[in-house]
């Protein structure tokens, strides 16, 4: 299905006239008519508006062989695999943050209990705190991006 056919179908499905669609996009009705006749294509900003208005991807609008957004499996599979990887990474950072926090607490307790500990234990405490904070920050960042 060509762009012009998709545009007509989407416009009618939404119950819009050419005039109403033109008002939505803040362009002339003649521009819509030219798009639907196939004599011109919309520019990038108008493609973005059409995509948003009709809830379809720009790929769907521009690729004649795509009958629906479901015809974009690679894109959806890639998006899904990235989402799964981010969820796995978030869990890993959460566990690492908790473990570094626990290790830092253990080092602090051993330093409090035994006053004759090696001075490098304080570096371990500091390093554990820094790593715990870093992993928790990465966890929050990945969690917020879901």
Protein backbone atom coordinates (compact mmCIF):
# COMPACT_ATOMS: atom_id res chain seq x y z
CA UNK A 1 0.00 0.00 0.00
CA UNK A 2 1.41 3.37 -1.01
CA UNK A 3 1.74 6.41 1.26
CA UNK A 4 -1.21 8.19 -0.33
CA UNK A 5 -3.49 5.17 0.19
CA UNK A 6 -2.40 4.85 3.81
CA UNK A 7 -3.00 8.55 4.41
CA UNK A 8 -6.53 8.41 3.00
CA UNK A 9 -7.30 5.26 5.00
CA UNK A 10 -5.91 6.68 8.27
CA UNK A 11 -7.65 10.03 7.78
CA UNK A 12 -11.02 8.39 7.11
CA UNK A 13 -10.53 5.91 9.96
CA UNK A 14 -10.03 8.88 12.28
CA UNK A 15 -13.13 10.54 10.77
CA UNK A 16 -11.30 13.60 9.49
CA UNK A 17 -11.89 15.55 6.32
CA UNK A 18 -8.94 16.90 4.35
CA UNK A 19 -9.77 20.33 5.77
CA UNK A 20 -9.78 19.06 9.37
CA UNK A 21 -6.49 17.21 8.89
CA UNK A 22 -4.99 20.33 7.35
CA UNK A 23 -6.09 22.35 10.38
CA UNK A 24 -4.55 19.76 12.73
CA UNK A 25 -1.23 20.02 10.87
CA UNK A 26 -1.52 23.78 10.36
CA UNK A 27 -1.12 23.53 6.59
CA UNK A 28 -3.38 24.04 3.58
CA UNK A 29 -6.04 21.59 2.46
CA UNK A 30 -4.36 21.60 -0.96
CA UNK A 31 -1.20 20.14 0.58
CA UNK A 32 -3.24 17.24 1.98
CA UNK A 33 -4.86 16.78 -1.43
CA UNK A 34 -1.44 16.66 -3.15
CA UNK A 35 -0.22 14.07 -0.62
CA UNK A 36 -3.33 11.93 -1.14
CA UNK A 37 -2.96 12.15 -4.93
CA UNK A 38 0.66 11.06 -4.63
CA UNK A 39 2.08 14.11 -6.38
CA UNK A 40 4.16 15.14 -3.32
CA UNK A 41 5.23 13.78 0.04
CA UNK A 42 5.12 15.64 3.36
CA UNK A 43 8.32 17.05 4.80
CA UNK A 44 9.91 15.58 7.94
CA UNK A 45 8.08 17.76 10.51
CA UNK A 46 4.72 16.90 8.93
CA UNK A 47 5.62 13.20 8.81
CA UNK A 48 6.31 13.37 12.54
CA UNK A 49 2.95 15.05 13.13
CA UNK A 50 1.12 12.48 11.00
CA UNK A 51 2.87 9.64 12.80
CA UNK A 52 1.87 11.05 16.17
CA UNK A 53 -1.68 11.94 15.14
CA UNK A 54 -2.46 8.51 13.68
CA UNK A 55 -0.37 6.49 16.15
CA UNK A 56 1.75 4.78 13.50
CA UNK A 57 5.46 4.79 12.77
CA UNK A 58 7.05 6.85 10.03
CA UNK A 59 8.45 3.59 8.64
CA UNK A 60 4.91 2.33 8.20
CA UNK A 61 3.88 5.54 6.44
CA UNK A 62 6.80 5.59 3.99
CA UNK A 63 7.40 1.93 3.15
CA UNK A 64 4.94 0.66 0.56
CA UNK A 65 5.45 -2.98 1.55
CA UNK A 66 4.38 -2.39 5.16
CA UNK A 67 0.68 -3.03 5.63
CA UNK A 68 0.80 -2.23 9.36
CA UNK A 69 3.26 -1.47 12.16
CA UNK A 70 3.28 -5.23 12.78
CA UNK A 71 5.36 -5.56 9.61
CA UNK A 72 8.34 -4.11 11.49
CA UNK A 73 9.44 -7.24 13.40
CA UNK A 74 13.14 -6.44 13.47
CA UNK A 75 12.48 -3.10 15.08
CA UNK A 76 10.12 -4.59 17.67
CA UNK A 77 12.43 -7.55 18.35
CA UNK A 78 15.39 -5.21 18.81
CA UNK A 79 13.38 -2.96 21.12
CA UNK A 80 12.26 -5.98 23.14
CA UNK A 81 15.79 -7.40 23.44
CA UNK A 82 17.16 -4.01 24.54
CA UNK A 83 14.40 -3.74 27.14
CA UNK A 84 15.17 -7.24 28.45
CA UNK A 85 18.90 -6.47 28.58
CA UNK A 86 18.24 -3.23 30.48
CA UNK A 87 16.05 -5.08 32.99
CA UNK A 88 18.76 -7.69 33.50
CA UNK A 89 21.44 -5.00 33.85
CA UNK A 90 19.28 -3.10 36.34
CA UNK A 91 18.93 -6.21 38.51
CA UNK A 92 22.68 -6.84 38.30
CA UNK A 93 23.45 -3.27 39.42
CA UNK A 94 20.94 -3.51 42.26
CA UNK A 95 22.51 -6.74 43.54
CA UNK A 96 26.02 -5.32 43.15
CA UNK A 97 25.01 -2.15 45.03
CA UNK A 98 23.55 -4.18 47.89
CA UNK A 99 26.62 -6.43 48.06
CA UNK A 100 29.06 -3.49 48.09
CA UNK A 101 26.99 -1.83 50.81
CA UNK A 102 27.10 -5.03 52.85
CA UNK A 103 30.87 -5.37 52.30
CA UNK A 104 31.44 -1.77 53.42
CA UNK A 105 29.39 -2.34 56.57
CA UNK A 106 31.40 -5.49 57.32
CA UNK A 107 34.68 -3.61 56.87
CA UNK A 108 33.44 -0.80 59.13
CA UNK A 109 32.39 -3.26 61.84
CA UNK A 110 35.72 -5.06 61.70
CA UNK A 111 37.53 -1.71 61.99
CA UNK A 112 35.40 -0.78 65.02
CA UNK A 113 35.83 -4.15 66.72
CA UNK A 114 39.56 -4.49 66.13
CA UNK A 115 41.50 -1.22 66.60
CA UNK A 116 44.70 -2.85 65.27
CA UNK A 117 43.41 -3.41 61.72
CA UNK A 118 45.57 -2.65 58.74
CA UNK A 119 45.13 0.98 57.56
CA UNK A 120 44.18 -0.20 54.06
CA UNK A 121 40.83 -1.32 55.44
CA UNK A 122 39.74 2.33 55.37
CA UNK A 123 40.48 2.42 51.65
CA UNK A 124 38.34 -0.72 51.27
CA UNK A 125 35.51 0.98 53.17
CA UNK A 126 35.72 4.07 50.97
CA UNK A 127 35.95 1.99 47.79
CA UNK A 128 32.96 -0.10 48.87
CA UNK A 129 30.86 3.02 49.49
CA UNK A 130 31.84 4.54 46.14
CA UNK A 131 31.07 1.32 44.26
CA UNK A 132 27.77 0.86 46.10
CA UNK A 133 26.72 4.42 45.18
CA UNK A 134 27.79 3.94 41.57
CA UNK A 135 25.86 0.69 41.14
CA UNK A 136 22.76 2.15 42.77
CA UNK A 137 22.96 5.20 40.47
CA UNK A 138 23.20 2.91 37.43
CA UNK A 139 20.27 0.87 38.74
CA UNK A 140 18.12 3.99 39.13
CA UNK A 141 19.10 5.23 35.67
CA UNK A 142 18.16 1.93 34.03
CA UNK A 143 14.96 1.68 36.07
CA UNK A 144 13.91 5.21 35.04
CA UNK A 145 14.53 4.41 31.35
CA UNK A 146 12.06 1.49 31.30
